N, C-alpha and C. Protein backbone atom coordinates (compact mmCIF):
# COMPACT_ATOMS: atom_id res chain seq x y z
N MET A 1 -56.67 12.42 -23.11
CA MET A 1 -57.66 13.42 -23.41
C MET A 1 -59.06 12.86 -23.22
N HIS A 2 -59.25 11.58 -23.49
CA HIS A 2 -60.56 10.98 -23.27
C HIS A 2 -60.95 11.03 -21.79
N ASP A 3 -59.96 10.84 -20.91
CA ASP A 3 -60.24 10.91 -19.47
C ASP A 3 -60.70 12.31 -19.07
N ILE A 4 -60.04 13.34 -19.60
CA ILE A 4 -60.42 14.71 -19.28
C ILE A 4 -61.82 14.98 -19.82
N SER A 5 -62.10 14.50 -21.02
CA SER A 5 -63.43 14.67 -21.60
C SER A 5 -64.48 14.02 -20.71
N ASP A 6 -64.21 12.81 -20.24
CA ASP A 6 -65.15 12.12 -19.36
C ASP A 6 -65.37 12.90 -18.06
N LEU A 7 -64.30 13.39 -17.47
CA LEU A 7 -64.43 14.19 -16.24
C LEU A 7 -65.28 15.44 -16.49
N GLU A 8 -64.97 16.15 -17.55
CA GLU A 8 -65.69 17.40 -17.86
C GLU A 8 -67.18 17.13 -18.09
N LEU A 9 -67.48 16.05 -18.80
CA LEU A 9 -68.89 15.73 -19.06
C LEU A 9 -69.64 15.37 -17.77
N ARG A 10 -68.91 14.95 -16.75
CA ARG A 10 -69.52 14.66 -15.45
C ARG A 10 -69.53 15.87 -14.53
N GLY A 11 -69.00 16.99 -15.01
CA GLY A 11 -68.97 18.21 -14.20
C GLY A 11 -67.78 18.29 -13.27
N ILE A 12 -66.78 17.44 -13.49
CA ILE A 12 -65.56 17.45 -12.67
C ILE A 12 -64.48 18.19 -13.46
N PRO A 13 -63.91 19.24 -12.89
CA PRO A 13 -62.89 20.00 -13.61
C PRO A 13 -61.68 19.13 -13.95
N GLY A 14 -61.17 19.32 -15.13
CA GLY A 14 -59.97 18.62 -15.56
C GLY A 14 -59.14 19.49 -16.48
N VAL A 15 -57.91 19.12 -16.65
CA VAL A 15 -57.03 19.84 -17.58
C VAL A 15 -56.12 18.82 -18.26
N PHE A 16 -55.97 18.96 -19.55
CA PHE A 16 -55.10 18.12 -20.35
C PHE A 16 -53.70 18.70 -20.30
N VAL A 17 -52.72 17.87 -19.96
CA VAL A 17 -51.32 18.33 -19.89
C VAL A 17 -50.49 17.47 -20.83
N ALA A 18 -49.76 18.15 -21.72
CA ALA A 18 -48.87 17.46 -22.66
C ALA A 18 -47.74 18.42 -22.99
N THR A 19 -46.78 17.94 -23.76
CA THR A 19 -45.70 18.83 -24.16
C THR A 19 -46.11 19.63 -25.39
N GLU A 20 -45.40 20.71 -25.62
CA GLU A 20 -45.72 21.62 -26.73
C GLU A 20 -45.64 20.93 -28.09
N GLU A 21 -45.00 19.79 -28.16
CA GLU A 21 -44.94 19.02 -29.40
C GLU A 21 -46.33 18.57 -29.85
N PHE A 22 -47.28 18.52 -28.90
CA PHE A 22 -48.60 17.98 -29.18
C PHE A 22 -49.71 19.03 -29.23
N ILE A 23 -49.35 20.27 -29.47
CA ILE A 23 -50.35 21.34 -29.52
C ILE A 23 -51.39 21.08 -30.61
N SER A 24 -50.95 20.82 -31.82
CA SER A 24 -51.89 20.59 -32.92
C SER A 24 -52.75 19.35 -32.67
N ALA A 25 -52.13 18.29 -32.22
CA ALA A 25 -52.87 17.05 -31.94
C ALA A 25 -53.87 17.25 -30.81
N GLY A 26 -53.47 17.98 -29.77
CA GLY A 26 -54.38 18.24 -28.66
C GLY A 26 -55.58 19.06 -29.08
N THR A 27 -55.35 20.04 -29.89
CA THR A 27 -56.45 20.87 -30.39
C THR A 27 -57.40 20.04 -31.25
N ALA A 28 -56.85 19.27 -32.17
CA ALA A 28 -57.69 18.44 -33.05
C ALA A 28 -58.48 17.41 -32.25
N GLN A 29 -57.84 16.80 -31.26
CA GLN A 29 -58.52 15.78 -30.47
C GLN A 29 -59.65 16.37 -29.64
N SER A 30 -59.41 17.54 -29.03
CA SER A 30 -60.47 18.14 -28.21
C SER A 30 -61.66 18.54 -29.08
N VAL A 31 -61.40 19.01 -30.28
CA VAL A 31 -62.49 19.35 -31.20
C VAL A 31 -63.26 18.09 -31.59
N SER A 32 -62.54 17.01 -31.89
CA SER A 32 -63.21 15.77 -32.31
C SER A 32 -64.02 15.16 -31.16
N LEU A 33 -63.64 15.45 -29.92
CA LEU A 33 -64.40 14.96 -28.76
C LEU A 33 -65.57 15.88 -28.42
N GLY A 34 -65.70 16.97 -29.15
CA GLY A 34 -66.80 17.90 -28.91
C GLY A 34 -66.55 18.87 -27.77
N LEU A 35 -65.30 19.00 -27.37
CA LEU A 35 -64.94 19.93 -26.29
C LEU A 35 -63.80 20.85 -26.75
N PRO A 36 -64.07 21.71 -27.72
CA PRO A 36 -62.99 22.55 -28.26
C PRO A 36 -62.39 23.50 -27.23
N SER A 37 -63.14 23.80 -26.18
CA SER A 37 -62.60 24.72 -25.17
C SER A 37 -61.98 23.97 -23.98
N MET A 38 -61.72 22.67 -24.15
CA MET A 38 -61.08 21.89 -23.10
C MET A 38 -59.80 22.59 -22.65
N LYS A 39 -59.64 22.69 -21.35
CA LYS A 39 -58.45 23.37 -20.81
C LYS A 39 -57.22 22.51 -21.06
N ARG A 40 -56.17 23.18 -21.54
CA ARG A 40 -54.92 22.50 -21.88
C ARG A 40 -53.74 23.30 -21.38
N VAL A 41 -52.73 22.59 -20.92
CA VAL A 41 -51.46 23.20 -20.55
C VAL A 41 -50.38 22.42 -21.28
N TYR A 42 -49.53 23.15 -21.98
CA TYR A 42 -48.44 22.51 -22.72
C TYR A 42 -47.12 22.88 -22.07
N THR A 43 -46.34 21.84 -21.76
CA THR A 43 -45.04 22.02 -21.13
C THR A 43 -43.96 21.96 -22.19
N THR A 44 -42.74 22.21 -21.77
CA THR A 44 -41.62 22.11 -22.70
C THR A 44 -41.38 20.65 -23.09
N HIS A 45 -40.82 20.48 -24.26
CA HIS A 45 -40.58 19.15 -24.83
C HIS A 45 -39.08 18.96 -25.00
N PRO A 46 -38.57 17.78 -24.81
CA PRO A 46 -39.18 16.52 -24.41
C PRO A 46 -39.13 16.32 -22.90
N VAL A 47 -39.79 15.28 -22.43
CA VAL A 47 -39.75 14.97 -21.00
C VAL A 47 -39.10 13.62 -20.71
N GLN A 48 -39.06 12.73 -21.67
CA GLN A 48 -38.63 11.36 -21.39
C GLN A 48 -37.20 11.23 -20.88
N ASP A 49 -36.31 12.14 -21.23
CA ASP A 49 -34.92 12.02 -20.81
C ASP A 49 -34.57 12.91 -19.61
N ARG A 50 -35.55 13.52 -19.01
CA ARG A 50 -35.28 14.43 -17.89
C ARG A 50 -35.01 13.65 -16.60
N THR A 51 -34.17 14.23 -15.78
CA THR A 51 -33.88 13.62 -14.48
C THR A 51 -35.05 13.89 -13.54
N ASP A 52 -35.06 13.19 -12.42
CA ASP A 52 -36.11 13.43 -11.42
C ASP A 52 -36.11 14.89 -10.98
N GLU A 53 -34.94 15.44 -10.79
CA GLU A 53 -34.84 16.84 -10.37
C GLU A 53 -35.41 17.79 -11.42
N GLU A 54 -35.14 17.50 -12.68
CA GLU A 54 -35.68 18.33 -13.76
C GLU A 54 -37.20 18.22 -13.83
N MET A 55 -37.72 17.03 -13.58
CA MET A 55 -39.18 16.84 -13.60
C MET A 55 -39.84 17.59 -12.45
N VAL A 56 -39.20 17.59 -11.28
CA VAL A 56 -39.73 18.35 -10.15
C VAL A 56 -39.74 19.83 -10.49
N ALA A 57 -38.66 20.32 -11.10
CA ALA A 57 -38.60 21.73 -11.49
C ALA A 57 -39.67 22.05 -12.52
N MET A 58 -39.93 21.14 -13.45
CA MET A 58 -40.97 21.37 -14.45
C MET A 58 -42.34 21.38 -13.78
N ALA A 59 -42.58 20.49 -12.85
CA ALA A 59 -43.85 20.47 -12.12
C ALA A 59 -44.04 21.79 -11.38
N ASP A 60 -42.99 22.27 -10.75
CA ASP A 60 -43.08 23.56 -10.05
C ASP A 60 -43.38 24.69 -11.03
N GLN A 61 -42.77 24.64 -12.20
CA GLN A 61 -42.94 25.69 -13.20
C GLN A 61 -44.38 25.77 -13.70
N PHE A 62 -45.05 24.64 -13.86
CA PHE A 62 -46.38 24.62 -14.47
C PHE A 62 -47.52 24.44 -13.47
N PHE A 63 -47.19 24.24 -12.20
CA PHE A 63 -48.20 23.96 -11.19
C PHE A 63 -49.30 25.02 -11.12
N LEU A 64 -48.93 26.28 -11.03
CA LEU A 64 -49.94 27.34 -10.89
C LEU A 64 -50.83 27.45 -12.12
N GLU A 65 -50.28 27.24 -13.28
CA GLU A 65 -51.09 27.29 -14.50
C GLU A 65 -52.10 26.15 -14.52
N ILE A 66 -51.66 24.96 -14.13
CA ILE A 66 -52.56 23.80 -14.08
C ILE A 66 -53.63 24.01 -13.01
N LEU A 67 -53.22 24.46 -11.84
CA LEU A 67 -54.17 24.74 -10.76
C LEU A 67 -55.21 25.76 -11.19
N SER A 68 -54.76 26.80 -11.87
CA SER A 68 -55.67 27.84 -12.35
C SER A 68 -56.72 27.27 -13.30
N CYS A 69 -56.28 26.37 -14.18
CA CYS A 69 -57.22 25.74 -15.12
C CYS A 69 -58.28 24.93 -14.39
N ILE A 70 -57.88 24.25 -13.35
CA ILE A 70 -58.81 23.39 -12.62
C ILE A 70 -59.77 24.19 -11.76
N THR A 71 -59.31 25.30 -11.24
CA THR A 71 -60.12 26.06 -10.26
C THR A 71 -60.81 27.27 -10.84
N SER A 72 -60.61 27.57 -12.12
CA SER A 72 -61.16 28.81 -12.69
C SER A 72 -62.67 28.78 -12.83
N GLY A 73 -63.27 27.61 -12.90
CA GLY A 73 -64.71 27.50 -13.01
C GLY A 73 -65.28 27.91 -14.35
N GLU A 74 -64.46 28.09 -15.34
CA GLU A 74 -64.96 28.47 -16.67
C GLU A 74 -65.30 27.27 -17.47
């Protein structure tokens, strides 16, 4: 999240991506960094035991949402 904060402060679009397990933590961290409206995308949890094929499917599932966050210009 610090990396996304740094990018945003430089005017470079970024999006924080984590699993839904970290919704509360992501919200609290973005507020503490002074960027409460930081763009975030939460994927299904967990990811550590997924196969390569499952990870590719997850990337496909969330790609458009992540792209939208980066290109929305908000």
